[in-house]
Protein backbone atom coordinates (compact mmCIF):
# COMPACT_ATOMS: atom_id res chain seq x y z
CA ALA A 1 107.88 98.41 97.03
CA LEU A 2 106.26 95.84 94.79
CA VAL A 3 102.65 94.98 95.64
CA TYR A 4 101.22 91.90 93.90
CA THR A 5 97.61 90.75 94.19
CA SER A 6 97.54 86.98 94.18
CA THR A 7 94.83 84.71 95.58
CA ALA A 8 94.29 82.78 98.79
CA TYR A 9 94.09 79.69 96.59
CA SER A 10 97.59 79.99 95.09
CA ASN A 11 98.65 77.30 97.55
CA ALA A 12 95.59 75.10 97.21
CA ASN A 13 97.93 72.18 96.76
CA HIS A 14 98.73 72.25 100.50
CA ASN A 15 96.30 70.33 102.67
CA ASN A 16 96.94 72.50 105.70
CA PHE A 17 94.06 74.50 107.08
CA SER A 18 96.42 77.29 108.06
CA LEU A 19 99.11 78.45 105.69
CA LYS A 20 102.14 80.41 106.78
CA GLU A 21 102.72 83.89 105.43
CA GLU A 22 105.40 82.80 103.00
CA VAL A 23 105.80 81.91 99.36
CA TYR A 24 105.55 78.17 98.94
CA ARG A 25 108.06 76.98 96.38
CA LEU A 26 107.15 75.04 93.26
CA PRO A 27 108.61 71.54 92.87
CA PHE A 28 110.88 73.07 90.19
CA ARG A 29 112.40 76.49 89.58
CA ALA A 30 109.93 78.90 87.96
CA GLU A 31 112.69 79.85 85.53
CA LYS A 32 112.48 76.34 83.99
CA PHE A 33 108.81 76.87 83.16
CA LEU A 34 109.43 80.35 81.73
CA ASP A 35 112.34 79.08 79.62
CA ALA A 36 110.15 76.32 78.20
CA LEU A 37 107.52 78.95 77.33
CA LYS A 38 110.04 81.27 75.68
CA ASN A 39 111.59 78.45 73.67
CA GLU A 40 108.17 77.00 72.78
CA ASP A 41 109.40 73.66 74.12
CA ASN A 42 106.03 71.89 74.25
CA GLU A 43 107.58 68.62 75.38
CA LYS A 44 109.21 70.26 78.41
CA LEU A 45 106.03 72.22 79.18
CA GLN A 46 103.94 69.05 79.12
CA GLU A 47 106.44 67.39 81.45
CA LEU A 48 106.31 70.28 83.94
CA VAL A 49 102.52 70.58 83.76
CA ALA A 50 102.08 66.83 84.25
CA HIS A 51 104.28 67.08 87.32
CA CYS A 52 102.05 69.82 88.81
CA LYS A 53 98.62 68.87 87.52
CA PRO A 54 97.60 66.65 90.46
CA ASP A 55 98.58 69.34 92.96
CA TRP A 56 96.62 72.38 91.71
CA PRO A 57 92.88 72.33 90.99
CA ASN A 58 93.18 74.58 87.91
CA THR A 59 95.55 76.68 85.84
CA TYR A 60 94.49 79.91 87.57
CA THR A 61 95.75 78.83 90.99
CA PHE A 62 98.89 77.30 89.46
CA SER A 63 99.68 80.49 87.51
CA LYS A 64 99.29 82.59 90.68
CA CYS A 65 101.74 80.32 92.51
CA LEU A 66 104.10 80.51 89.52
CA ALA A 67 103.88 84.33 89.56
CA GLU A 68 104.66 84.45 93.29
CA ASN A 69 107.74 82.28 92.69
CA VAL A 70 108.89 84.44 89.75
CA ILE A 71 108.53 87.57 91.88
CA MET A 72 110.55 86.08 94.73
CA ASP A 73 113.27 84.88 92.34
CA THR A 74 113.62 88.08 90.31
CA ALA A 75 112.67 90.95 92.60
CA SER A 76 114.31 89.88 95.83
CA ASN A 77 116.13 93.22 96.12
CA LEU A 78 112.79 95.06 96.44
CA PRO A 79 110.43 95.21 99.41
CA ILE A 80 107.65 92.83 98.32
CA VAL A 81 104.04 92.59 99.50
CA ILE A 82 101.85 89.75 98.25
CA ILE A 83 98.16 90.18 98.98
CA ARG A 84 96.08 87.00 98.90
CA PRO A 85 92.38 87.87 99.06
CA SER A 86 89.90 85.01 98.96
CA ILE A 87 87.50 86.88 96.66
CA VAL A 88 88.14 89.63 94.12
CA TYR A 89 85.21 91.23 92.34
CA SER A 90 84.55 94.19 90.11
CA THR A 91 81.68 96.63 89.95
CA TRP A 92 80.07 98.53 87.14
CA LYS A 93 80.00 102.06 88.59
CA GLY A 94 82.19 102.06 91.68
CA PRO A 95 82.43 100.56 95.14
CA MET A 96 79.48 98.68 96.51
CA PRO A 97 77.82 100.61 99.39
CA ALA A 98 78.83 97.97 101.96
CA SER A 99 82.49 98.29 100.99
CA ARG A 100 82.79 101.99 101.83
CA ILE A 101 84.99 102.58 104.82
CA SER A 102 84.01 105.14 107.40
CA THR A 103 86.87 107.13 108.89
CA ILE A 104 84.78 108.61 111.71
């Protein structure tokens, strides 16, 4: 199985208060964006970015949506899990005490 950690904000471009558990498609195929990157086609990249810019608040949320689309397009023969936490944080020396799970 493929497990990908995305973000709850990868679909911030939707004004719904409840999102379905699905991958929302970009207005273009993710492959177009990747091809423009590989070919260093700045004109095509600017065109694609301009098309998406009003819909996503920043490049982080857009890139997470792009990654979800790439995964769905290229790994469809694998069992896929996309986790969308609202907050991801790191710690210096290990889990925070409140995040320890009791199994008793």
